[in-house]
Protein backbone atom coordinates (compact mmCIF):
# COMPACT_ATOMS: atom_id res chain seq x y z
CA MET A 1 -114.62 218.72 131.48
CA LEU A 2 -116.80 221.74 131.57
CA ASN A 3 -116.84 223.89 134.64
CA PHE A 4 -119.32 223.31 137.43
CA LYS A 5 -121.75 225.91 136.08
CA GLU A 6 -121.64 224.71 132.51
CA GLN A 7 -122.19 220.78 133.37
CA ASN A 8 -124.91 221.70 135.80
CA ALA A 9 -126.82 223.67 133.19
CA GLU A 10 -126.35 221.06 130.68
CA TYR A 11 -127.68 218.30 133.03
CA LEU A 12 -130.55 220.62 133.94
CA ALA A 13 -131.71 221.54 130.44
CA TYR A 14 -131.23 218.04 129.43
CA ILE A 15 -133.80 216.53 132.08
CA GLU A 16 -135.88 219.59 131.81
CA ASN A 17 -136.31 218.85 128.19
CA TYR A 18 -136.90 215.12 128.40
CA LEU A 19 -139.52 215.46 131.05
CA ASN A 20 -141.39 217.91 129.08
CA GLU A 21 -141.18 216.42 125.61
CA GLN A 22 -141.21 212.67 126.68
CA CYS A 23 -143.49 212.40 129.88
CA PHE A 24 -147.17 212.10 129.71
CA CYS A 25 -147.93 214.00 126.24
CA ASP A 26 -150.12 211.47 124.78
CA LYS A 27 -152.97 213.48 123.72
CA SER A 28 -154.85 210.74 122.17
CA GLN A 29 -155.49 209.20 125.71
CA PRO A 30 -159.06 210.72 127.44
CA GLN A 31 -157.55 211.09 130.99
CA LYS A 32 -155.98 214.40 130.16
CA LEU A 33 -156.89 215.72 133.63
CA LEU A 34 -154.87 212.90 135.27
CA PHE A 35 -151.82 213.87 132.88
CA ASP A 36 -152.22 217.55 133.42
CA ALA A 37 -152.13 216.96 137.00
CA MET A 38 -148.92 214.67 136.92
CA ARG A 39 -147.15 217.22 134.73
CA TYR A 40 -148.18 220.39 136.95
CA SER A 41 -145.93 218.75 139.73
CA LEU A 42 -143.51 217.07 137.67
CA LEU A 43 -142.45 220.43 135.67
CA ALA A 44 -142.60 222.64 138.57
CA GLY A 45 -138.84 223.15 138.54
CA GLY A 46 -136.83 222.36 141.52
CA LYS A 47 -133.10 221.54 141.87
CA ARG A 48 -133.34 218.16 139.81
CA LEU A 49 -130.79 217.00 142.33
CA ARG A 50 -131.63 213.44 142.06
CA PRO A 51 -131.23 213.43 138.18
CA ILE A 52 -128.10 215.13 138.27
CA PHE A 53 -126.94 212.36 140.85
CA VAL A 54 -127.80 209.75 138.13
CA PHE A 55 -126.11 211.67 135.33
CA ASP A 56 -122.82 212.43 136.96
CA PHE A 57 -122.27 208.99 138.66
CA CYS A 58 -122.86 207.64 135.13
CA ARG A 59 -120.43 209.91 133.58
CA MET A 60 -117.87 209.38 136.47
CA CYS A 61 -118.01 205.71 135.65
CA GLY A 62 -117.27 206.32 131.89
CA GLY A 63 -120.67 205.76 130.75
CA ASP A 64 -122.91 207.98 128.21
CA TRP A 65 -124.83 210.06 130.75
CA LYS A 66 -127.52 211.04 128.27
CA GLN A 67 -128.49 207.28 127.96
CA ALA A 68 -129.02 207.11 131.59
CA THR A 69 -132.16 209.76 131.10
CA PRO A 70 -134.94 207.23 131.51
CA PHE A 71 -133.31 206.19 135.11
CA ALA A 72 -133.11 210.08 136.05
CA ALA A 73 -136.49 210.64 134.93
CA ALA A 74 -137.89 207.45 137.02
CA VAL A 75 -136.21 208.97 140.44
CA GLU A 76 -137.56 212.36 139.77
CA MET A 77 -141.11 210.67 139.32
CA ILE A 78 -140.89 208.99 142.50
CA HIS A 79 -139.70 212.17 144.13
CA THR A 80 -142.41 214.14 142.75
CA TYR A 81 -145.04 211.65 143.70
CA SER A 82 -143.79 211.97 147.28
CA LEU A 83 -144.05 215.57 147.35
CA ILE A 84 -147.51 215.56 145.90
CA HIS A 85 -148.69 213.10 148.82
CA ASP A 86 -146.61 214.85 151.59
CA ASP A 87 -148.59 217.72 151.02
CA LEU A 88 -152.04 216.55 151.13
CA PRO A 89 -154.41 217.52 154.20
CA CYS A 90 -154.14 213.93 155.66
CA MET A 91 -149.98 214.57 155.79
CA ASP A 92 -148.39 217.91 156.06
CA ASN A 93 -151.43 219.84 154.72
CA ASP A 94 -149.31 222.49 152.60
CA ASP A 95 -150.55 225.05 150.41
CA PHE A 96 -147.52 225.84 148.24
CA ARG A 97 -144.85 223.96 146.82
CA ARG A 98 -141.93 225.72 144.98
CA GLY A 99 -144.01 229.01 144.67
CA ARG A 100 -147.02 227.45 143.49
CA PRO A 101 -150.27 226.08 145.04
CA THR A 102 -149.96 222.59 145.63
CA ASN A 103 -151.20 219.95 143.54
CA HIS A 104 -154.44 219.14 145.76
CA LYS A 105 -155.25 222.82 145.75
CA VAL A 106 -155.21 223.00 142.04
CA TYR A 107 -156.80 219.47 141.08
CA GLY A 108 -158.56 218.46 144.13
CA GLU A 109 -157.51 215.90 146.73
CA ALA A 110 -158.57 212.78 144.72
CA THR A 111 -157.00 213.79 141.56
CA ALA A 112 -153.95 214.44 143.41
CA VAL A 113 -153.66 211.34 145.02
CA LEU A 114 -154.09 209.52 141.62
CA ALA A 115 -151.33 211.81 140.00
CA GLY A 116 -149.07 210.39 142.68
CA ASP A 117 -150.16 207.03 141.98
CA GLY A 118 -149.62 207.65 138.26
CA LEU A 119 -146.05 208.97 138.87
CA LEU A 120 -145.01 206.09 141.22
CA THR A 121 -146.25 203.46 138.58
CA ALA A 122 -145.07 205.21 135.65
CA ALA A 123 -141.26 205.37 137.07
CA PHE A 124 -140.95 201.55 136.99
CA SER A 125 -142.23 201.54 133.40
CA TYR A 126 -139.21 204.11 132.38
CA LEU A 127 -136.76 201.84 134.07
CA ALA A 128 -138.32 198.80 132.25
CA LYS A 129 -137.85 200.57 128.87
CA ALA A 130 -134.37 202.06 129.41
CA PRO A 131 -131.64 201.36 126.84
CA TYR A 132 -129.82 198.57 128.88
CA SER A 133 -129.60 194.77 129.19
CA ALA A 134 -132.17 193.09 131.29
CA ASP A 135 -129.82 192.43 133.98
CA ILE A 136 -129.14 195.78 134.48
CA ARG A 137 -132.89 196.85 134.37
CA ILE A 138 -133.94 194.30 136.94
CA ARG A 139 -131.18 195.52 139.19
CA ALA A 140 -132.49 199.10 138.81
CA VAL A 141 -135.69 198.03 139.47
CA GLU A 142 -134.34 196.04 142.68
CA ILE A 143 -132.52 199.44 143.78
CA LEU A 144 -135.30 201.86 143.12
CA SER A 145 -138.15 199.90 144.47
CA GLU A 146 -136.10 198.92 147.95
CA CYS A 147 -134.95 202.78 148.30
CA ALA A 148 -138.57 203.89 147.47
CA GLY A 149 -140.79 201.57 149.13
CA GLU A 150 -141.28 200.14 152.85
CA LEU A 151 -137.72 199.88 153.59
CA GLY A 152 -136.80 203.19 152.44
CA MET A 153 -138.87 206.57 151.68
CA VAL A 154 -142.38 205.34 152.57
CA GLY A 155 -141.10 203.43 155.80
CA GLY A 156 -139.21 206.68 156.79
CA GLN A 157 -142.57 208.47 156.14
CA VAL A 158 -144.43 206.08 158.42
CA LEU A 159 -141.81 206.58 161.13
CA ASP A 160 -141.84 210.36 160.88
CA MET A 161 -145.83 210.39 161.26
CA SER A 162 -145.86 207.93 164.08
CA SER A 163 -143.28 210.01 166.02
CA GLU A 164 -144.94 213.18 165.65
CA GLN A 165 -146.62 213.18 169.35
CA ARG A 166 -143.61 212.57 171.19
CA GLN A 167 -139.87 213.37 171.74
CA CYS A 168 -137.53 211.17 169.55
CA THR A 169 -134.06 209.86 170.37
CA GLU A 170 -131.18 210.52 168.24
CA GLN A 171 -131.26 207.13 166.48
CA GLU A 172 -135.09 207.42 165.85
CA VAL A 173 -134.50 210.84 164.15
CA LEU A 174 -131.60 209.19 162.18
CA ASP A 175 -133.83 206.36 161.24
CA ILE A 176 -136.65 208.39 159.94
CA GLN A 177 -134.18 210.88 157.83
CA SER A 178 -131.87 208.13 156.45
CA ARG A 179 -135.03 206.57 154.90
CA LYS A 180 -137.37 209.50 154.23
CA THR A 181 -134.70 211.79 152.43
CA GLY A 182 -131.41 209.84 152.15
CA ALA A 183 -132.97 206.43 150.48
CA LEU A 184 -134.04 208.21 147.22
CA ILE A 185 -130.75 209.86 146.95
CA ARG A 186 -129.04 206.79 147.44
CA ALA A 187 -131.03 205.22 144.58
CA ALA A 188 -130.13 207.89 142.34
CA CYS A 189 -126.41 207.49 142.83
CA MET A 190 -126.60 203.88 142.68
CA LEU A 191 -128.58 203.92 139.39
CA GLY A 192 -125.91 206.38 138.01
CA VAL A 193 -123.23 203.96 138.71
CA LEU A 194 -125.30 201.12 137.28
CA SER A 195 -126.16 202.89 134.18
CA GLY A 196 -122.51 203.74 133.50
CA GLY A 197 -121.04 200.26 133.94
CA GLY A 198 -119.68 200.81 137.50
CA ASN A 199 -118.20 198.01 139.36
CA GLU A 200 -119.25 196.76 142.87
CA ALA A 201 -116.64 198.97 144.62
CA GLN A 202 -117.97 202.03 143.08
CA LEU A 203 -121.57 201.02 143.64
CA ALA A 204 -120.85 200.60 147.34
CA ALA A 205 -119.03 204.09 147.54
CA ALA A 206 -122.15 205.85 145.90
CA GLY A 207 -124.36 204.42 148.34
CA THR A 208 -122.08 205.50 151.19
CA PHE A 209 -121.71 208.87 149.61
CA ALA A 210 -125.62 209.15 149.38
CA ASN A 211 -126.05 208.14 152.88
CA HIS A 212 -123.63 211.02 154.37
CA LEU A 213 -124.66 213.53 151.78
CA GLY A 214 -128.49 212.94 152.32
CA LEU A 215 -127.93 213.35 156.26
CA ALA A 216 -125.87 216.54 155.32
CA PHE A 217 -129.00 217.70 152.88
CA GLN A 218 -131.65 216.93 155.50
CA ILE A 219 -129.86 218.57 158.61
CA ARG A 220 -129.49 221.66 156.31
CA ASP A 221 -133.21 221.50 155.13
CA ASP A 222 -134.18 221.35 158.61
CA MET A 223 -132.04 224.58 159.57
CA LEU A 224 -133.64 226.37 156.67
CA ASP A 225 -137.00 225.61 157.85
CA VAL A 226 -136.02 227.82 160.83
CA ILE A 227 -133.87 230.37 159.31
CA GLY A 228 -135.32 230.50 156.00
CA THR A 229 -138.23 232.70 154.69
CA ALA A 230 -141.25 231.57 152.58
CA GLU A 231 -140.16 233.81 149.83
CA GLU A 232 -136.56 232.29 149.62
CA MET A 233 -137.88 228.46 150.01
CA GLY A 234 -140.93 228.79 147.62
CA LYS A 235 -142.98 227.08 150.39
CA SER A 236 -144.13 227.52 153.93
CA VAL A 237 -141.44 227.60 156.69
CA GLY A 238 -141.68 226.72 160.48
CA THR A 239 -144.06 223.79 159.40
CA ASP A 240 -141.70 221.43 161.08
CA ALA A 241 -141.82 223.08 164.60
CA VAL A 242 -143.96 220.09 165.95
CA LYS A 243 -141.74 217.57 164.44
CA ASN A 244 -138.50 215.58 165.51
CA THR A 245 -135.81 217.60 163.42
CA PHE A 246 -132.11 217.81 163.81
CA VAL A 247 -132.40 221.41 164.76
CA GLN A 248 -134.56 220.50 167.71
CA LEU A 249 -132.24 217.50 168.47
CA TYR A 250 -128.74 219.46 168.38
CA GLY A 251 -129.68 223.28 167.74
CA LEU A 252 -128.56 225.31 164.88
CA GLU A 253 -124.77 225.62 165.92
CA THR A 254 -124.23 221.75 166.25
CA CYS A 255 -126.24 221.22 162.97
CA ASP A 256 -124.09 223.45 160.89
CA LYS A 257 -120.93 221.59 162.11
CA LEU A 258 -122.78 218.15 161.25
CA VAL A 259 -123.64 219.37 158.01
CA HIS A 260 -119.91 219.81 157.05
CA LYS A 261 -119.13 216.80 158.73
CA HIS A 262 -121.16 214.63 156.99
CA THR A 263 -120.42 216.36 153.61
CA SER A 264 -116.62 215.95 154.11
CA ILE A 265 -117.06 212.06 154.51
CA ALA A 266 -119.36 211.96 151.62
CA VAL A 267 -116.62 213.61 149.37
CA GLU A 268 -114.19 211.35 150.49
CA CYS A 269 -116.19 208.34 149.18
CA LEU A 270 -115.74 209.74 145.83
CA ASP A 271 -111.89 209.01 145.56
CA VAL A 272 -112.71 205.63 143.83
CA PHE A 273 -113.90 207.65 140.83
CA SER A 274 -111.41 208.96 138.50
CA ASP A 275 -112.93 212.40 137.76
CA SER A 276 -115.23 213.62 140.61
CA LYS A 277 -114.62 217.17 140.70
CA PHE A 278 -118.28 217.95 139.55
CA MET A 279 -119.65 216.15 142.28
CA LYS A 280 -117.44 217.15 145.14
CA PHE A 281 -118.05 220.71 144.19
CA LEU A 282 -121.79 220.00 144.09
CA ALA A 283 -121.79 218.62 147.50
CA ASP A 284 -119.82 221.47 148.95
CA GLN A 285 -122.62 223.82 147.26
CA LEU A 286 -125.24 221.78 149.02
CA THR A 287 -123.44 222.24 152.39
CA GLY A 288 -123.72 226.01 152.25
CA ARG A 289 -127.18 226.50 150.31
CA LYS A 290 -129.68 229.26 151.42
CA VAL A 291 -132.68 227.98 149.69
C-alpha cells in the first residue's frame, strides 16, 4: 500500500476531480445561477474526510474504491448543504467558510437555501445511479437518509438550536454531537463497507468506529474554536461561546484526554479489517489536528 501522504493525496485528487468534472456541469440547463451556487460551496475545498472514509473503508473490505465515488460524492453533498444552511442568518449567521465568504454572502439567502436543497436532493440521485446492485443502493439510501435526516444530523441541529438558551447536561451535549457531527461520519464509513462488499461484522465495526471518532473530532473542533485563530481555521472562531460545547462542559485539559480516549477506542474497532494502517493513521492525525 502507498504511504499515508500518497494514499491521502490520491483519494483527495480523485474526489476533487469527480466533483469538478461530474457534478452540476450541465450548461444546457437554464438554472445556471443555482448550479454556480451549488458548485461554489461544493468545490470550496476542505479536508474531504467523509469521501476519504468511504474510499478507505471500501478498500479495507477488498472493493474497488474508485467505484465507490458516487457514494463518496453523495456524502460530501449532504455535508456541504448542511454547511450552507448552518451559515445562514437564521442559524449561525457566519460570514466566512473555508476562508471565503459564505454562500449567502455571495448569492443571497434565497439562492443559498435553494443551493442547499439542490445538494441534498442530488445526493440521493447519485446513490441511486451508483454501479451497484439494487439491494446495495437501497441499503445505501437507508443508511444515508437515517444518518442525515431527523434521526441523525438534522435532529442534532434541532437539539443544538433548542439548547442555546440554557446549560445542557453531559448526556444532552452527547445527544447533540452524536447526531450533528457523528451521524454523517457514520454514514460515510458504513457506505464504504457496503460498497466494498463487507460483512455485517465489518459494517457494525465501521459504525462504532465512526461514533467514537466523530465524538473525538467534535471535541477537538470545540477546542479549536477556543484556541485556534480565524486565519488558521478559515472561518470565524469563538462563535460557539454561547453554545453548549464540550469545552464548556469539561474544560480544555479534560477535552484533550477525551479526544485521545475516543480515538483509541475507534482505532481498536478497525482490527476486523485486514489492512487498516491508513485509517488508524488518519484517526491519530485527527486527534492532534491544529485546523
